[in-house]
């Protein structure tokens, strides 16, 4: 993962900050952080699928080892 950037498509400007990165034994990538953007994309079945209000919203993301999904 070192040196690789992943673009997050958003229509609204706002800070997206990654605070921690972890890896599973099967090489899945887990990222946690926060955002100030109200339109950070989410997937079906997400814990929260809408902006909760306030200045920042926390997130946890999981990606395959090639960062494609």
N, C-alpha and C. Protein backbone atom coordinates (compact mmCIF):
# COMPACT_ATOMS: atom_id res chain seq x y z
N UNK A 1 0.81 -1.19 0.00
CA UNK A 1 0.00 0.00 0.00
C UNK A 1 0.85 1.25 0.00
N UNK A 2 2.06 1.16 0.37
CA UNK A 2 2.92 2.34 0.42
C UNK A 2 3.02 2.96 -0.96
N UNK A 3 2.79 4.27 -1.04
CA UNK A 3 2.90 4.97 -2.30
C UNK A 3 1.68 4.89 -3.19
N UNK A 4 0.62 4.28 -2.75
CA UNK A 4 -0.59 4.15 -3.58
C UNK A 4 -1.67 5.07 -3.05
N UNK A 5 -2.24 5.89 -3.94
CA UNK A 5 -3.35 6.75 -3.56
C UNK A 5 -4.62 6.19 -4.15
N UNK A 6 -5.70 6.33 -3.43
CA UNK A 6 -7.01 5.89 -3.90
C UNK A 6 -7.90 7.11 -3.96
N UNK A 7 -8.44 7.41 -5.14
CA UNK A 7 -9.35 8.53 -5.30
C UNK A 7 -10.73 8.15 -4.81
N UNK A 8 -11.35 9.02 -4.05
CA UNK A 8 -12.72 8.83 -3.57
C UNK A 8 -13.60 9.80 -4.33
N UNK A 9 -14.49 9.30 -5.20
CA UNK A 9 -15.34 10.21 -5.97
C UNK A 9 -16.34 10.93 -5.06
N UNK A 10 -16.33 12.25 -5.12
CA UNK A 10 -17.25 13.05 -4.32
C UNK A 10 -17.68 14.26 -5.14
N UNK A 11 -18.87 14.72 -4.93
CA UNK A 11 -19.34 15.91 -5.62
C UNK A 11 -19.15 17.16 -4.75
N UNK A 12 -18.97 16.97 -3.47
CA UNK A 12 -18.85 18.09 -2.54
C UNK A 12 -17.44 18.14 -1.95
N UNK A 13 -16.83 19.32 -1.89
CA UNK A 13 -15.50 19.40 -1.27
C UNK A 13 -15.58 19.15 0.23
N UNK A 14 -14.50 18.70 0.79
CA UNK A 14 -14.44 18.48 2.23
C UNK A 14 -13.28 17.56 2.56
N UNK A 15 -12.78 17.71 3.73
CA UNK A 15 -11.65 16.93 4.20
C UNK A 15 -12.03 15.46 4.39
N UNK A 16 -11.17 14.57 3.92
CA UNK A 16 -11.29 13.14 4.22
C UNK A 16 -9.94 12.73 4.78
N UNK A 17 -9.90 12.37 6.04
CA UNK A 17 -8.66 12.07 6.74
C UNK A 17 -8.61 10.60 7.15
N UNK A 18 -7.56 9.90 6.74
CA UNK A 18 -7.33 8.53 7.19
C UNK A 18 -6.48 8.57 8.45
N UNK A 19 -6.92 7.89 9.50
CA UNK A 19 -6.20 7.91 10.76
C UNK A 19 -5.44 6.62 11.04
N UNK A 20 -5.93 5.50 10.51
CA UNK A 20 -5.26 4.23 10.77
C UNK A 20 -5.51 3.27 9.61
N UNK A 21 -4.52 2.45 9.32
CA UNK A 21 -4.61 1.44 8.26
C UNK A 21 -4.20 0.11 8.86
N UNK A 22 -4.98 -0.93 8.56
CA UNK A 22 -4.67 -2.27 9.04
C UNK A 22 -4.82 -3.28 7.92
N UNK A 23 -4.23 -4.45 8.10
CA UNK A 23 -4.26 -5.49 7.09
C UNK A 23 -4.67 -6.82 7.74
N UNK A 24 -5.49 -7.58 7.03
CA UNK A 24 -5.89 -8.90 7.53
C UNK A 24 -4.89 -9.95 7.02
N UNK A 25 -5.02 -11.16 7.53
CA UNK A 25 -4.15 -12.26 7.08
C UNK A 25 -4.34 -12.55 5.60
N UNK A 26 -5.54 -12.27 5.07
CA UNK A 26 -5.79 -12.50 3.64
C UNK A 26 -5.52 -11.24 2.81
N UNK A 27 -4.82 -10.27 3.38
CA UNK A 27 -4.35 -9.06 2.71
C UNK A 27 -5.45 -8.05 2.40
N UNK A 28 -6.60 -8.15 3.06
CA UNK A 28 -7.61 -7.10 2.92
C UNK A 28 -7.10 -5.87 3.67
N UNK A 29 -7.50 -4.71 3.19
CA UNK A 29 -7.03 -3.46 3.77
C UNK A 29 -8.19 -2.79 4.51
N UNK A 30 -7.95 -2.36 5.74
CA UNK A 30 -8.95 -1.66 6.56
C UNK A 30 -8.43 -0.26 6.85
N UNK A 31 -9.28 0.74 6.60
CA UNK A 31 -8.90 2.13 6.84
C UNK A 31 -9.98 2.78 7.70
N UNK A 32 -9.56 3.51 8.72
CA UNK A 32 -10.49 4.27 9.55
C UNK A 32 -10.08 5.73 9.55
N UNK A 33 -11.05 6.59 9.75
CA UNK A 33 -10.76 8.02 9.77
C UNK A 33 -12.02 8.83 9.95
N UNK A 34 -11.96 10.07 9.46
CA UNK A 34 -13.13 10.94 9.53
C UNK A 34 -13.21 11.80 8.27
N UNK A 35 -14.37 12.36 8.05
CA UNK A 35 -14.59 13.23 6.91
C UNK A 35 -15.41 14.44 7.31
N UNK A 36 -15.22 15.52 6.58
CA UNK A 36 -16.07 16.69 6.72
C UNK A 36 -16.95 16.84 5.48
N UNK A 37 -16.90 15.87 4.59
CA UNK A 37 -17.70 15.87 3.38
C UNK A 37 -19.00 15.11 3.63
N UNK A 38 -20.12 15.70 3.27
CA UNK A 38 -21.41 15.07 3.52
C UNK A 38 -21.77 14.02 2.47
N UNK A 39 -20.94 13.83 1.44
CA UNK A 39 -21.31 12.87 0.39
C UNK A 39 -20.25 11.77 0.18
N UNK A 40 -19.55 11.38 1.24
CA UNK A 40 -18.61 10.27 1.12
C UNK A 40 -19.40 9.03 0.72
N UNK A 41 -18.99 8.32 -0.35
CA UNK A 41 -19.77 7.18 -0.81
C UNK A 41 -19.83 6.04 0.20
N UNK A 42 -20.97 5.37 0.28
CA UNK A 42 -21.14 4.20 1.14
C UNK A 42 -21.70 3.06 0.30
N UNK A 43 -21.60 1.85 0.82
CA UNK A 43 -22.12 0.69 0.12
C UNK A 43 -23.40 0.20 0.81
N UNK A 44 -24.16 -0.60 0.07
CA UNK A 44 -25.37 -1.19 0.64
C UNK A 44 -25.01 -2.01 1.87
N UNK A 45 -25.82 -1.93 2.89
CA UNK A 45 -25.57 -2.68 4.12
C UNK A 45 -24.67 -1.95 5.10
N UNK A 46 -24.26 -0.72 4.77
CA UNK A 46 -23.42 0.06 5.68
C UNK A 46 -24.16 0.35 6.97
N UNK A 47 -23.43 0.49 8.06
CA UNK A 47 -24.02 0.80 9.36
C UNK A 47 -24.83 2.09 9.29
N UNK A 48 -24.26 3.11 8.69
CA UNK A 48 -24.95 4.40 8.54
C UNK A 48 -24.81 4.85 7.10
N UNK A 49 -25.92 5.12 6.44
CA UNK A 49 -25.88 5.51 5.04
C UNK A 49 -26.21 6.98 4.82
N UNK A 50 -26.25 7.77 5.88
CA UNK A 50 -26.53 9.19 5.74
C UNK A 50 -25.69 9.98 6.74
N UNK A 51 -25.52 11.26 6.43
CA UNK A 51 -24.74 12.16 7.27
C UNK A 51 -25.43 12.29 8.63
N UNK A 52 -24.67 12.14 9.70
CA UNK A 52 -25.24 12.19 11.05
C UNK A 52 -25.34 13.57 11.64
N UNK A 53 -24.84 14.58 10.94
CA UNK A 53 -24.86 15.94 11.45
C UNK A 53 -23.56 16.27 12.15
N UNK A 54 -23.39 17.48 12.52
CA UNK A 54 -22.16 17.92 13.15
C UNK A 54 -21.10 18.26 12.13
N UNK A 55 -19.88 18.52 12.61
CA UNK A 55 -18.79 18.93 11.72
C UNK A 55 -18.11 17.76 11.04
N UNK A 56 -17.97 16.63 11.72
CA UNK A 56 -17.23 15.48 11.18
C UNK A 56 -18.00 14.19 11.37
N UNK A 57 -17.73 13.24 10.47
CA UNK A 57 -18.35 11.92 10.53
C UNK A 57 -17.22 10.89 10.43
N UNK A 58 -17.23 9.90 11.31
CA UNK A 58 -16.22 8.85 11.26
C UNK A 58 -16.56 7.81 10.21
N UNK A 59 -15.54 7.09 9.73
CA UNK A 59 -15.77 6.01 8.78
C UNK A 59 -14.79 4.87 9.00
N UNK A 60 -15.19 3.71 8.54
CA UNK A 60 -14.33 2.53 8.47
C UNK A 60 -14.55 1.94 7.09
N UNK A 61 -13.47 1.64 6.38
CA UNK A 61 -13.57 1.12 5.02
C UNK A 61 -12.77 -0.16 4.89
N UNK A 62 -13.25 -1.08 4.07
CA UNK A 62 -12.56 -2.34 3.82
C UNK A 62 -12.36 -2.49 2.31
N UNK A 63 -11.15 -2.84 1.89
CA UNK A 63 -10.81 -3.01 0.49
C UNK A 63 -10.15 -4.37 0.28
N UNK A 64 -10.33 -4.93 -0.93
CA UNK A 64 -9.57 -6.12 -1.32
C UNK A 64 -8.09 -5.74 -1.38
N UNK A 65 -7.22 -6.73 -1.48
CA UNK A 65 -5.79 -6.47 -1.46
C UNK A 65 -5.31 -5.60 -2.62
N UNK A 66 -6.04 -5.58 -3.74
CA UNK A 66 -5.65 -4.72 -4.86
C UNK A 66 -6.35 -3.37 -4.84
N UNK A 67 -7.08 -3.06 -3.77
CA UNK A 67 -7.80 -1.81 -3.55
C UNK A 67 -8.90 -1.56 -4.58
N UNK A 68 -9.40 -2.60 -5.22
CA UNK A 68 -10.43 -2.42 -6.24
C UNK A 68 -11.83 -2.38 -5.65
N UNK A 69 -12.08 -3.09 -4.56
CA UNK A 69 -13.41 -3.10 -3.94
C UNK A 69 -13.30 -3.09 -2.44
